[in-house]
Protein backbone atom coordinates (compact mmCIF):
# COMPACT_ATOMS: atom_id res chain seq x y z
CA GLU A 1 -92.85 26.06 18.95
CA ILE A 2 -93.68 22.47 19.78
CA GLN A 3 -95.24 21.61 23.11
CA PHE A 4 -95.65 18.11 24.51
CA ASP A 5 -97.58 19.17 27.60
CA TYR A 6 -100.68 17.01 27.29
CA ILE A 7 -100.38 13.36 26.32
CA ARG A 8 -103.10 10.78 26.81
CA PHE A 9 -103.27 7.04 26.51
CA PRO A 10 -106.48 5.40 25.24
CA GLU A 11 -109.12 4.66 27.86
CA PRO A 12 -110.49 1.11 27.87
CA TYR A 13 -114.12 2.03 27.08
CA LYS A 14 -116.47 -0.93 26.77
CA SER A 15 -118.20 0.70 23.79
CA LEU A 16 -114.98 0.82 21.74
CA PRO A 17 -112.85 -2.00 20.39
CA PRO A 18 -109.83 -2.84 22.56
CA GLN A 19 -106.93 -0.44 22.07
CA VAL A 20 -103.87 -2.33 20.91
CA PHE A 21 -100.26 -1.23 21.13
CA PRO A 22 -98.36 -3.97 19.28
CA GLU A 23 -94.92 -2.43 19.88
CA GLN A 24 -95.28 -2.31 23.68
CA ASN A 25 -93.06 -5.38 24.18
CA GLY A 26 -93.48 -5.31 27.96
CA ARG A 27 -92.61 -1.62 28.31
CA SER A 28 -94.60 0.62 30.64
CA LYS A 29 -96.44 3.70 29.41
CA PRO A 30 -93.93 6.05 31.11
CA GLN A 31 -91.05 4.16 29.48
CA VAL A 32 -92.65 4.40 26.02
CA LEU A 33 -93.29 8.11 26.55
CA GLY A 34 -89.68 8.68 27.64
CA GLU A 35 -88.39 6.85 24.59
CA PHE A 36 -90.61 8.95 22.34
CA LEU A 37 -89.38 12.21 23.85
CA THR A 38 -85.74 11.08 23.59
CA GLU A 39 -86.24 10.26 19.90
CA ALA A 40 -88.05 13.54 19.27
CA ARG A 41 -85.25 15.53 20.89
CA SER A 42 -82.65 13.70 18.80
CA ARG A 43 -84.52 14.40 15.57
CA PHE A 44 -85.12 18.04 16.45
CA ALA A 45 -81.44 18.53 17.29
CA LYS A 46 -80.49 17.33 13.80
CA LEU A 47 -82.71 20.10 12.43
CA GLY A 48 -81.11 22.75 14.64
CA VAL A 49 -84.14 23.07 16.91
CA ARG A 50 -83.34 24.27 20.44
CA THR A 51 -84.80 22.10 23.21
């Protein structure tokens, strides 16, 4: 069983170096998340995993 029920994006803490997402290319966080889930579903389907 695979669960994607808790996903976080890095917080911009001053004590940490800036978090960089070089592949963002102007996409919003929800858009990136949606694309990830679409790709995951596609790959799981090829393995016969029910979603």
